[in-house]
N, C-alpha and C. Protein backbone atom coordinates (compact mmCIF):
# COMPACT_ATOMS: atom_id res chain seq x y z
N MET A 1 0.83 -1.20 0.00
CA MET A 1 0.00 0.00 0.00
C MET A 1 0.88 1.26 0.00
N ASN A 2 0.41 2.29 -0.70
CA ASN A 2 1.09 3.58 -0.71
C ASN A 2 0.42 4.53 0.28
N ILE A 3 1.09 5.63 0.59
CA ILE A 3 0.50 6.67 1.42
C ILE A 3 0.69 8.01 0.71
N ALA A 4 -0.37 8.82 0.70
CA ALA A 4 -0.34 10.13 0.05
C ALA A 4 -0.63 11.22 1.07
N LEU A 5 0.31 12.14 1.23
CA LEU A 5 0.22 13.22 2.21
C LEU A 5 -0.14 14.52 1.49
N PHE A 6 -1.24 15.13 1.88
CA PHE A 6 -1.70 16.34 1.22
C PHE A 6 -1.80 17.51 2.19
N ASP A 7 -1.15 18.63 1.85
CA ASP A 7 -1.48 19.89 2.50
C ASP A 7 -2.90 20.27 2.06
N PHE A 8 -3.54 21.17 2.80
CA PHE A 8 -4.93 21.52 2.48
C PHE A 8 -5.03 22.90 1.81
N ASP A 9 -4.81 23.96 2.59
CA ASP A 9 -4.96 25.32 2.06
C ASP A 9 -3.95 25.59 0.94
N GLY A 10 -4.45 25.94 -0.23
CA GLY A 10 -3.58 26.27 -1.35
C GLY A 10 -3.14 25.08 -2.17
N THR A 11 -3.34 23.88 -1.63
CA THR A 11 -2.98 22.65 -2.36
C THR A 11 -4.25 21.93 -2.81
N ILE A 12 -5.08 21.55 -1.87
CA ILE A 12 -6.38 20.97 -2.22
C ILE A 12 -7.37 22.07 -2.58
N THR A 13 -7.23 23.22 -1.94
CA THR A 13 -8.08 24.37 -2.25
C THR A 13 -7.27 25.43 -2.99
N HIS A 14 -7.96 26.37 -3.63
CA HIS A 14 -7.27 27.48 -4.27
C HIS A 14 -7.45 28.77 -3.46
N ALA A 15 -7.68 28.61 -2.14
CA ALA A 15 -7.83 29.77 -1.26
C ALA A 15 -7.35 29.41 0.14
N ASP A 16 -7.13 30.42 0.94
CA ASP A 16 -6.73 30.26 2.34
C ASP A 16 -7.98 30.01 3.17
N MET A 17 -8.30 28.75 3.40
CA MET A 17 -9.55 28.40 4.08
C MET A 17 -9.51 28.71 5.57
N TYR A 18 -8.31 28.78 6.14
CA TYR A 18 -8.18 29.16 7.55
C TYR A 18 -8.69 30.58 7.76
N THR A 19 -8.19 31.52 6.97
CA THR A 19 -8.61 32.92 7.12
C THR A 19 -10.08 33.08 6.80
N LYS A 20 -10.55 32.38 5.79
CA LYS A 20 -11.97 32.45 5.45
C LYS A 20 -12.84 31.96 6.60
N PHE A 21 -12.35 30.93 7.32
CA PHE A 21 -13.14 30.43 8.44
C PHE A 21 -13.17 31.43 9.59
N LEU A 22 -12.10 32.16 9.80
CA LEU A 22 -12.11 33.19 10.84
C LEU A 22 -13.23 34.19 10.58
N HIS A 23 -13.37 34.60 9.32
CA HIS A 23 -14.44 35.55 8.97
C HIS A 23 -15.81 34.88 9.04
N PHE A 24 -15.90 33.65 8.54
CA PHE A 24 -17.16 32.93 8.49
C PHE A 24 -17.73 32.66 9.88
N SER A 25 -16.86 32.37 10.83
CA SER A 25 -17.29 31.95 12.17
C SER A 25 -17.43 33.10 13.16
N ALA A 26 -16.97 34.29 12.79
CA ALA A 26 -16.93 35.39 13.75
C ALA A 26 -18.30 36.05 13.95
N THR A 27 -18.62 36.36 15.20
CA THR A 27 -19.77 37.21 15.48
C THR A 27 -19.40 38.64 15.11
N LYS A 28 -20.39 39.53 15.02
CA LYS A 28 -20.10 40.93 14.66
C LYS A 28 -19.18 41.57 15.68
N ARG A 29 -19.44 41.29 16.97
CA ARG A 29 -18.61 41.88 18.03
C ARG A 29 -17.19 41.34 17.95
N ARG A 30 -17.06 40.03 17.78
CA ARG A 30 -15.73 39.42 17.72
C ARG A 30 -14.98 39.91 16.48
N SER A 31 -15.69 40.09 15.38
CA SER A 31 -15.07 40.57 14.15
C SER A 31 -14.51 41.97 14.32
N LEU A 32 -15.24 42.84 15.01
CA LEU A 32 -14.79 44.21 15.26
C LEU A 32 -13.55 44.21 16.14
N ILE A 33 -13.58 43.41 17.20
CA ILE A 33 -12.43 43.31 18.11
C ILE A 33 -11.21 42.79 17.35
N ALA A 34 -11.42 41.79 16.52
CA ALA A 34 -10.31 41.19 15.77
C ALA A 34 -9.65 42.20 14.84
N LYS A 35 -10.46 43.02 14.17
CA LYS A 35 -9.91 44.02 13.26
C LYS A 35 -9.00 44.99 14.01
N ILE A 36 -9.42 45.39 15.19
CA ILE A 36 -8.64 46.35 15.98
C ILE A 36 -7.36 45.70 16.52
N VAL A 37 -7.52 44.52 17.12
CA VAL A 37 -6.40 43.86 17.79
C VAL A 37 -5.38 43.30 16.79
N LEU A 38 -5.86 42.74 15.70
CA LEU A 38 -4.97 42.03 14.78
C LEU A 38 -4.28 42.92 13.75
N SER A 39 -4.76 44.12 13.55
CA SER A 39 -4.20 45.00 12.52
C SER A 39 -2.68 45.18 12.63
N PRO A 40 -2.14 45.53 13.81
CA PRO A 40 -0.68 45.69 13.89
C PRO A 40 0.09 44.39 13.66
N PHE A 41 -0.47 43.27 14.11
CA PHE A 41 0.18 41.97 13.88
C PHE A 41 0.17 41.61 12.40
N PHE A 42 -0.94 41.95 11.73
CA PHE A 42 -1.06 41.65 10.31
C PHE A 42 -0.03 42.43 9.50
N ILE A 43 0.22 43.67 9.89
CA ILE A 43 1.24 44.49 9.21
C ILE A 43 2.61 43.85 9.38
N LEU A 44 2.91 43.41 10.61
CA LEU A 44 4.19 42.75 10.87
C LEU A 44 4.33 41.47 10.05
N TYR A 45 3.23 40.75 9.91
CA TYR A 45 3.24 39.53 9.10
C TYR A 45 3.50 39.85 7.62
N LYS A 46 2.84 40.88 7.12
CA LYS A 46 2.97 41.24 5.71
C LYS A 46 4.37 41.71 5.35
N VAL A 47 5.06 42.36 6.29
CA VAL A 47 6.43 42.84 6.00
C VAL A 47 7.49 41.79 6.34
N GLY A 48 7.04 40.62 6.79
CA GLY A 48 7.97 39.52 7.02
C GLY A 48 8.58 39.44 8.40
N VAL A 49 8.13 40.28 9.33
CA VAL A 49 8.67 40.26 10.69
C VAL A 49 8.04 39.13 11.50
N LEU A 50 6.76 38.88 11.27
CA LEU A 50 6.02 37.85 12.01
C LEU A 50 5.78 36.65 11.11
N ARG A 51 6.17 35.47 11.59
CA ARG A 51 5.99 34.24 10.82
C ARG A 51 4.51 33.87 10.72
N ALA A 52 4.17 33.18 9.63
CA ALA A 52 2.78 32.77 9.40
C ALA A 52 2.24 31.93 10.56
N ALA A 53 3.07 31.03 11.08
CA ALA A 53 2.63 30.17 12.19
C ALA A 53 2.27 31.00 13.42
N ASN A 54 3.07 32.03 13.71
CA ASN A 54 2.79 32.89 14.86
C ASN A 54 1.55 33.75 14.62
N MET A 55 1.39 34.21 13.39
CA MET A 55 0.21 34.99 13.05
C MET A 55 -1.06 34.16 13.25
N ARG A 56 -1.02 32.90 12.84
CA ARG A 56 -2.19 32.03 13.01
C ARG A 56 -2.51 31.81 14.48
N ARG A 57 -1.48 31.61 15.31
CA ARG A 57 -1.73 31.39 16.74
C ARG A 57 -2.39 32.61 17.38
N ILE A 58 -1.90 33.79 17.02
CA ILE A 58 -2.48 35.02 17.56
C ILE A 58 -3.92 35.19 17.08
N ALA A 59 -4.13 34.99 15.78
CA ALA A 59 -5.46 35.14 15.21
C ALA A 59 -6.45 34.14 15.80
N SER A 60 -6.00 32.91 16.02
CA SER A 60 -6.87 31.88 16.60
C SER A 60 -7.26 32.24 18.03
N PHE A 61 -6.32 32.80 18.78
CA PHE A 61 -6.63 33.21 20.15
C PHE A 61 -7.70 34.29 20.16
N VAL A 62 -7.53 35.29 19.32
CA VAL A 62 -8.50 36.39 19.26
C VAL A 62 -9.86 35.89 18.78
N ALA A 63 -9.85 34.97 17.82
CA ALA A 63 -11.09 34.50 17.22
C ALA A 63 -11.88 33.52 18.09
N PHE A 64 -11.17 32.67 18.85
CA PHE A 64 -11.87 31.56 19.50
C PHE A 64 -11.80 31.50 21.02
N SER A 65 -10.96 32.28 21.65
CA SER A 65 -10.86 32.19 23.12
C SER A 65 -12.20 32.52 23.77
N GLY A 66 -12.64 31.62 24.65
CA GLY A 66 -13.88 31.83 25.38
C GLY A 66 -15.14 31.41 24.65
N ARG A 67 -15.03 30.96 23.42
CA ARG A 67 -16.22 30.57 22.67
C ARG A 67 -16.61 29.13 22.98
N LYS A 68 -17.91 28.86 22.99
CA LYS A 68 -18.41 27.52 23.31
C LYS A 68 -18.05 26.54 22.19
N VAL A 69 -17.58 25.37 22.61
CA VAL A 69 -17.10 24.37 21.66
C VAL A 69 -18.21 23.93 20.71
N ASP A 70 -19.38 23.60 21.25
CA ASP A 70 -20.44 23.07 20.40
C ASP A 70 -20.89 24.07 19.34
N GLU A 71 -20.86 25.36 19.69
CA GLU A 71 -21.27 26.39 18.73
C GLU A 71 -20.28 26.49 17.57
N VAL A 72 -18.99 26.52 17.89
CA VAL A 72 -17.96 26.65 16.85
C VAL A 72 -17.89 25.39 15.99
N VAL A 73 -18.03 24.23 16.62
CA VAL A 73 -18.00 22.96 15.87
C VAL A 73 -19.18 22.90 14.89
N ALA A 74 -20.35 23.37 15.32
CA ALA A 74 -21.51 23.39 14.43
C ALA A 74 -21.27 24.31 13.23
N VAL A 75 -20.66 25.46 13.50
CA VAL A 75 -20.30 26.38 12.41
C VAL A 75 -19.28 25.73 11.49
N GLY A 76 -18.32 25.02 12.08
CA GLY A 76 -17.29 24.33 11.30
C GLY A 76 -17.87 23.26 10.40
N GLN A 77 -18.88 22.56 10.89
CA GLN A 77 -19.52 21.53 10.08
C GLN A 77 -20.21 22.15 8.87
N GLY A 78 -20.92 23.25 9.11
CA GLY A 78 -21.57 23.96 8.01
C GLY A 78 -20.56 24.48 7.00
N TYR A 79 -19.44 24.95 7.51
CA TYR A 79 -18.37 25.46 6.65
C TYR A 79 -17.80 24.34 5.78
N ALA A 80 -17.57 23.18 6.38
CA ALA A 80 -17.02 22.03 5.65
C ALA A 80 -17.98 21.55 4.56
N GLU A 81 -19.27 21.59 4.85
CA GLU A 81 -20.26 21.07 3.92
C GLU A 81 -20.61 22.05 2.80
N ASN A 82 -20.64 23.35 3.13
CA ASN A 82 -21.19 24.32 2.18
C ASN A 82 -20.19 25.29 1.57
N ILE A 83 -19.10 25.57 2.29
CA ILE A 83 -18.14 26.57 1.80
C ILE A 83 -16.91 25.91 1.17
N VAL A 84 -16.32 24.96 1.87
CA VAL A 84 -15.09 24.32 1.36
C VAL A 84 -15.26 23.77 -0.06
N PRO A 85 -16.37 23.09 -0.39
CA PRO A 85 -16.50 22.55 -1.75
C PRO A 85 -16.41 23.59 -2.86
N GLN A 86 -16.69 24.85 -2.54
CA GLN A 86 -16.63 25.91 -3.55
C GLN A 86 -15.20 26.25 -3.95
N PHE A 87 -14.22 25.83 -3.14
CA PHE A 87 -12.83 26.25 -3.35
C PHE A 87 -11.88 25.08 -3.65
N LEU A 88 -12.42 23.92 -3.97
CA LEU A 88 -11.58 22.76 -4.23
C LEU A 88 -10.99 22.81 -5.64
N ARG A 89 -9.71 22.49 -5.74
CA ARG A 89 -9.02 22.48 -7.04
C ARG A 89 -9.36 21.21 -7.81
N GLU A 90 -9.58 21.36 -9.10
CA GLU A 90 -9.88 20.21 -9.95
C GLU A 90 -8.73 19.21 -9.96
N GLU A 91 -7.48 19.73 -10.04
CA GLU A 91 -6.34 18.81 -10.08
C GLU A 91 -6.20 18.05 -8.77
N ALA A 92 -6.59 18.69 -7.67
CA ALA A 92 -6.53 18.02 -6.37
C ALA A 92 -7.59 16.92 -6.29
N LEU A 93 -8.79 17.22 -6.74
CA LEU A 93 -9.86 16.22 -6.72
C LEU A 93 -9.50 15.03 -7.59
N THR A 94 -8.88 15.31 -8.73
CA THR A 94 -8.45 14.23 -9.63
C THR A 94 -7.41 13.34 -8.95
N GLN A 95 -6.42 13.97 -8.31
CA GLN A 95 -5.35 13.21 -7.68
C GLN A 95 -5.85 12.43 -6.47
N LEU A 96 -6.72 13.05 -5.69
CA LEU A 96 -7.32 12.36 -4.54
C LEU A 96 -8.11 11.14 -5.01
N SER A 97 -8.84 11.31 -6.10
CA SER A 97 -9.63 10.20 -6.65
C SER A 97 -8.72 9.07 -7.13
N LEU A 98 -7.61 9.41 -7.77
CA LEU A 98 -6.67 8.39 -8.24
C LEU A 98 -6.07 7.60 -7.08
N HIS A 99 -5.69 8.32 -6.02
CA HIS A 99 -5.13 7.63 -4.85
C HIS A 99 -6.19 6.75 -4.17
N THR A 100 -7.42 7.24 -4.14
CA THR A 100 -8.51 6.45 -3.54
C THR A 100 -8.75 5.17 -4.34
N GLN A 101 -8.80 5.31 -5.66
CA GLN A 101 -9.02 4.15 -6.53
C GLN A 101 -7.89 3.14 -6.41
N ASN A 102 -6.69 3.64 -6.11
CA ASN A 102 -5.52 2.77 -5.97
C ASN A 102 -5.45 2.10 -4.60
N GLY A 103 -6.36 2.49 -3.70
CA GLY A 103 -6.37 1.92 -2.36
C GLY A 103 -5.31 2.50 -1.45
N ASP A 104 -4.79 3.69 -1.78
CA ASP A 104 -3.75 4.32 -0.97
C ASP A 104 -4.32 4.95 0.31
N GLN A 105 -3.49 5.02 1.33
CA GLN A 105 -3.82 5.75 2.55
C GLN A 105 -3.65 7.24 2.26
N ILE A 106 -4.72 8.01 2.42
CA ILE A 106 -4.67 9.46 2.18
C ILE A 106 -4.71 10.18 3.52
N VAL A 107 -3.76 11.09 3.71
CA VAL A 107 -3.67 11.86 4.95
C VAL A 107 -3.63 13.35 4.63
N ILE A 108 -4.54 14.10 5.21
CA ILE A 108 -4.51 15.56 5.10
C ILE A 108 -3.66 16.09 6.24
N VAL A 109 -2.65 16.88 5.91
CA VAL A 109 -1.70 17.40 6.91
C VAL A 109 -1.72 18.92 6.79
N SER A 110 -2.32 19.59 7.79
CA SER A 110 -2.62 21.00 7.58
C SER A 110 -2.51 21.86 8.83
N ALA A 111 -2.12 23.12 8.63
CA ALA A 111 -2.15 24.11 9.71
C ALA A 111 -3.55 24.66 9.90
N SER A 112 -4.48 24.28 9.02
CA SER A 112 -5.87 24.65 9.20
C SER A 112 -6.43 23.91 10.42
N LEU A 113 -7.65 24.24 10.79
CA LEU A 113 -8.18 23.84 12.09
C LEU A 113 -9.07 22.59 12.06
N ASP A 114 -9.01 21.86 13.16
CA ASP A 114 -9.77 20.63 13.31
C ASP A 114 -11.28 20.85 13.30
N VAL A 115 -11.75 22.03 13.68
CA VAL A 115 -13.19 22.25 13.84
C VAL A 115 -13.95 22.16 12.51
N TYR A 116 -13.27 22.28 11.40
CA TYR A 116 -13.93 22.04 10.11
C TYR A 116 -13.27 20.91 9.33
N LEU A 117 -11.95 20.73 9.49
CA LEU A 117 -11.27 19.67 8.74
C LEU A 117 -11.68 18.28 9.18
N LYS A 118 -11.97 18.09 10.47
CA LYS A 118 -12.41 16.76 10.94
C LYS A 118 -13.64 16.30 10.18
N HIS A 119 -14.60 17.20 10.04
CA HIS A 119 -15.84 16.84 9.37
C HIS A 119 -15.60 16.58 7.88
N TRP A 120 -14.81 17.45 7.24
CA TRP A 120 -14.55 17.28 5.81
C TRP A 120 -13.80 15.98 5.54
N CYS A 121 -12.82 15.66 6.37
CA CYS A 121 -12.05 14.42 6.19
C CYS A 121 -12.91 13.19 6.47
N ALA A 122 -13.76 13.27 7.48
CA ALA A 122 -14.65 12.15 7.80
C ALA A 122 -15.60 11.88 6.63
N GLN A 123 -16.09 12.93 6.01
CA GLN A 123 -16.98 12.79 4.86
C GLN A 123 -16.30 12.06 3.71
N ASN A 124 -15.00 12.30 3.57
CA ASN A 124 -14.27 11.77 2.42
C ASN A 124 -13.42 10.54 2.72
N GLY A 125 -13.39 10.12 3.99
CA GLY A 125 -12.64 8.93 4.36
C GLY A 125 -11.14 9.12 4.42
N PHE A 126 -10.69 10.36 4.73
CA PHE A 126 -9.27 10.66 4.82
C PHE A 126 -8.82 10.74 6.27
N ALA A 127 -7.58 10.34 6.53
CA ALA A 127 -6.99 10.56 7.85
C ALA A 127 -6.59 12.03 7.96
N LEU A 128 -6.41 12.51 9.20
CA LEU A 128 -6.15 13.94 9.40
C LEU A 128 -5.09 14.19 10.46
N ILE A 129 -4.16 15.07 10.13
CA ILE A 129 -3.21 15.64 11.09
C ILE A 129 -3.29 17.14 10.90
N CYS A 130 -3.65 17.88 11.96
CA CYS A 130 -3.83 19.32 11.78
C CYS A 130 -3.68 20.06 13.11
N SER A 131 -3.78 21.37 13.05
CA SER A 131 -3.78 22.20 14.25
C SER A 131 -5.11 21.98 14.98
N GLU A 132 -5.04 21.72 16.28
CA GLU A 132 -6.24 21.44 17.07
C GLU A 132 -6.43 22.52 18.13
N LEU A 133 -7.62 23.07 18.20
CA LEU A 133 -7.93 24.08 19.20
C LEU A 133 -8.09 23.43 20.57
N GLU A 134 -7.50 24.04 21.58
CA GLU A 134 -7.54 23.50 22.94
C GLU A 134 -8.87 23.82 23.62
N VAL A 135 -9.40 22.85 24.36
CA VAL A 135 -10.68 23.00 25.05
C VAL A 135 -10.47 22.98 26.55
N LYS A 136 -11.10 23.91 27.25
CA LYS A 136 -11.10 23.94 28.71
C LYS A 136 -12.50 24.28 29.21
N ARG A 137 -13.09 23.35 29.97
CA ARG A 137 -14.42 23.53 30.55
C ARG A 137 -15.48 23.88 29.49
N GLY A 138 -15.45 23.17 28.40
CA GLY A 138 -16.47 23.34 27.38
C GLY A 138 -16.30 24.54 26.48
N LYS A 139 -15.19 25.25 26.66
CA LYS A 139 -14.92 26.42 25.81
C LYS A 139 -13.50 26.33 25.25
N PHE A 140 -13.29 27.00 24.13
CA PHE A 140 -11.95 27.05 23.56
C PHE A 140 -11.10 28.04 24.34
N SER A 141 -9.88 27.63 24.64
CA SER A 141 -8.96 28.52 25.37
C SER A 141 -8.35 29.56 24.45
N GLY A 142 -8.36 29.27 23.16
CA GLY A 142 -7.70 30.14 22.19
C GLY A 142 -6.32 29.63 21.81
N GLY A 143 -5.82 28.64 22.56
CA GLY A 143 -4.53 28.05 22.26
C GLY A 143 -4.68 26.78 21.44
N TYR A 144 -3.54 26.20 21.07
CA TYR A 144 -3.53 24.94 20.33
C TYR A 144 -3.11 23.80 21.27
N VAL A 145 -3.57 22.60 20.97
CA VAL A 145 -3.23 21.43 21.78
C VAL A 145 -1.74 21.13 21.71
N ASN A 146 -1.21 21.06 20.51
CA ASN A 146 0.21 20.71 20.34
C ASN A 146 0.99 21.71 19.50
N GLY A 147 0.41 22.85 19.22
CA GLY A 147 1.09 23.84 18.39
C GLY A 147 0.54 23.87 16.98
N ASP A 148 1.18 24.67 16.15
CA ASP A 148 0.75 24.88 14.77
C ASP A 148 1.31 23.78 13.87
N CYS A 149 0.45 23.17 13.09
CA CYS A 149 0.87 22.05 12.22
C CYS A 149 1.44 22.59 10.91
N SER A 150 2.67 23.07 10.99
CA SER A 150 3.35 23.59 9.80
C SER A 150 4.84 23.33 9.93
N GLY A 151 5.57 23.47 8.83
CA GLY A 151 7.02 23.30 8.86
C GLY A 151 7.44 21.94 9.38
N VAL A 152 8.43 21.95 10.28
CA VAL A 152 8.96 20.68 10.80
C VAL A 152 7.92 19.92 11.61
N ASN A 153 6.93 20.63 12.17
CA ASN A 153 5.87 19.93 12.91
C ASN A 153 5.12 18.96 12.00
N LYS A 154 4.96 19.33 10.74
CA LYS A 154 4.27 18.42 9.82
C LYS A 154 4.99 17.08 9.73
N SER A 155 6.29 17.13 9.48
CA SER A 155 7.05 15.88 9.34
C SER A 155 7.11 15.12 10.66
N LYS A 156 7.26 15.83 11.79
CA LYS A 156 7.31 15.18 13.10
C LYS A 156 6.01 14.47 13.42
N TRP A 157 4.91 15.13 13.19
CA TRP A 157 3.61 14.55 13.53
C TRP A 157 3.24 13.41 12.59
N ILE A 158 3.64 13.52 11.33
CA ILE A 158 3.40 12.42 10.39
C ILE A 158 4.15 11.17 10.85
N CYS A 159 5.42 11.33 11.18
CA CYS A 159 6.25 10.18 11.59
C CYS A 159 5.81 9.61 12.93
N ALA A 160 5.20 10.44 13.78
CA ALA A 160 4.70 9.97 15.06
C ALA A 160 3.43 9.12 14.88
N LYS A 161 2.66 9.41 13.84
CA LYS A 161 1.39 8.72 13.63
C LYS A 161 1.49 7.56 12.64
N PHE A 162 2.42 7.66 11.69
CA PHE A 162 2.54 6.63 10.65
C PHE A 162 3.98 6.16 10.53
N ASP A 163 4.16 4.85 10.40
CA ASP A 163 5.47 4.29 10.11
C ASP A 163 5.61 4.26 8.59
N LEU A 164 6.26 5.26 8.03
CA LEU A 164 6.32 5.39 6.58
C LEU A 164 7.08 4.24 5.93
N GLY A 165 7.93 3.56 6.70
CA GLY A 165 8.67 2.42 6.17
C GLY A 165 7.79 1.24 5.81
N LEU A 166 6.55 1.24 6.31
CA LEU A 166 5.63 0.14 6.02
C LEU A 166 4.92 0.31 4.68
N TYR A 167 5.07 1.48 4.07
CA TYR A 167 4.37 1.75 2.82
C TYR A 167 5.30 1.55 1.62
N ASP A 168 4.73 1.10 0.51
CA ASP A 168 5.52 0.85 -0.69
C ASP A 168 6.08 2.15 -1.27
N ARG A 169 5.25 3.19 -1.24
CA ARG A 169 5.67 4.47 -1.81
C ARG A 169 4.98 5.61 -1.06
N VAL A 170 5.73 6.68 -0.83
CA VAL A 170 5.20 7.85 -0.13
C VAL A 170 5.08 9.01 -1.12
N TYR A 171 3.87 9.54 -1.25
CA TYR A 171 3.61 10.72 -2.08
C TYR A 171 3.33 11.91 -1.16
N ALA A 172 3.72 13.11 -1.59
CA ALA A 172 3.42 14.31 -0.79
C ALA A 172 3.14 15.48 -1.72
N TYR A 173 2.16 16.30 -1.31
CA TYR A 173 1.71 17.44 -2.11
C TYR A 173 1.61 18.68 -1.22
N GLY A 174 2.27 19.76 -1.64
CA GLY A 174 2.22 21.00 -0.88
C GLY A 174 2.30 22.21 -1.79
N ASP A 175 2.29 23.41 -1.17
CA ASP A 175 2.33 24.61 -2.01
C ASP A 175 3.22 25.74 -1.48
N THR A 176 3.74 25.61 -0.25
CA THR A 176 4.58 26.67 0.31
C THR A 176 5.79 26.07 1.04
N GLN A 177 6.65 26.97 1.52
CA GLN A 177 7.83 26.53 2.28
C GLN A 177 7.43 25.79 3.55
N GLU A 178 6.24 26.07 4.08
CA GLU A 178 5.77 25.38 5.27
C GLU A 178 5.55 23.89 5.02
N ASP A 179 5.54 23.48 3.76
CA ASP A 179 5.31 22.08 3.41
C ASP A 179 6.60 21.32 3.07
N LEU A 180 7.72 22.02 3.00
CA LEU A 180 8.95 21.38 2.51
C LEU A 180 9.42 20.23 3.40
N ALA A 181 9.25 20.36 4.71
CA ALA A 181 9.65 19.27 5.61
C ALA A 181 8.82 18.02 5.33
N MET A 182 7.54 18.21 5.04
CA MET A 182 6.68 17.08 4.68
C MET A 182 7.11 16.49 3.34
N LEU A 183 7.39 17.35 2.37
CA LEU A 183 7.80 16.87 1.05
C LEU A 183 9.09 16.07 1.12
N SER A 184 9.95 16.40 2.08
CA SER A 184 11.24 15.69 2.21
C SER A 184 11.07 14.24 2.62
N LEU A 185 9.88 13.88 3.11
CA LEU A 185 9.61 12.49 3.52
C LEU A 185 9.23 11.61 2.33
N ALA A 186 8.95 12.23 1.19
CA ALA A 186 8.31 11.52 0.09
C ALA A 186 9.28 10.89 -0.90
N ASP A 187 8.83 9.81 -1.51
CA ASP A 187 9.51 9.24 -2.67
C ASP A 187 9.16 10.05 -3.92
N GLU A 188 7.95 10.61 -3.90
CA GLU A 188 7.48 11.41 -5.04
C GLU A 188 6.75 12.62 -4.48
N ALA A 189 7.32 13.81 -4.70
CA ALA A 189 6.78 15.03 -4.10
C ALA A 189 6.36 16.04 -5.17
N TYR A 190 5.34 16.84 -4.82
CA TYR A 190 4.84 17.87 -5.73
C TYR A 190 4.68 19.17 -4.96
N LEU A 191 5.20 20.26 -5.55
CA LEU A 191 5.05 21.60 -4.98
C LEU A 191 4.30 22.45 -5.99
N ASN A 192 3.13 22.96 -5.57
CA ASN A 192 2.26 23.71 -6.50
C ASN A 192 1.95 22.88 -7.75
N TRP A 193 1.75 21.60 -7.54
CA TRP A 193 1.34 20.64 -8.57
C TRP A 193 2.39 20.42 -9.65
N ALA A 194 3.63 20.80 -9.37
CA ALA A 194 4.76 20.48 -10.24
C ALA A 194 5.68 19.54 -9.49
N ARG A 195 6.29 18.61 -10.19
CA ARG A 195 7.18 17.64 -9.55
C ARG A 195 8.31 18.37 -8.82
N TYR A 196 8.55 18.00 -7.58
CA TYR A 196 9.55 18.64 -6.73
C TYR A 196 10.66 17.64 -6.44
N CYS A 197 11.89 18.02 -6.73
CA CYS A 197 13.02 17.12 -6.52
C CYS A 197 13.52 17.25 -5.08
N VAL A 198 13.19 16.29 -4.26
CA VAL A 198 13.56 16.32 -2.84
C VAL A 198 15.07 16.26 -2.68
N ASP A 199 15.73 15.40 -3.43
CA ASP A 199 17.19 15.24 -3.31
C ASP A 199 17.93 16.53 -3.63
N ALA A 200 17.46 17.27 -4.63
CA ALA A 200 18.12 18.51 -5.02
C ALA A 200 17.95 19.59 -3.97
N ALA A 201 16.86 19.49 -3.19
CA ALA A 201 16.58 20.50 -2.17
C ALA A 201 17.33 20.25 -0.88
N ARG A 202 17.88 19.05 -0.71
CA ARG A 202 18.55 18.70 0.53
C ARG A 202 19.94 19.30 0.60
């Protein structure tokens, strides 16, 4: 059996679904607060001072801290069912279908959030490794359970969950530098849907 590792935002989709979910799930009051609080951090991110992983952690805290789990999960389910399908790439759907027909293990590995990815992956029969929002007393704390699922965390968490040596061939698909550690695990890797030479990048 083979295993196929897919990034989500920008690879399976042609949009940043994490940011879209922040807007989709926000109440009017929370949205106003977020605009005020996040503006200076967003500027730092845009000029390259703040890393994307840190920007996501800050944004997630502002967006979800203190919110009831069942409410956000319900919004996430609606998002997975009604919004995500509008942004799926044709080439991604084709490749996912080919791996499914081949009987390969498909794993979505993403810095996007569990509150919508769990439902989408369950619908499609895919395994999932992603950023998980921390829960305390029925509400989200605003933090992550194990950190942001990007960069070296992707490769670490993949290897912790799957013994890649048991698979005949490892495929990996990504679209940014945050995916390169995951691509380095693969026998056959693709960056922005073009073949990526792992050996040359090492």
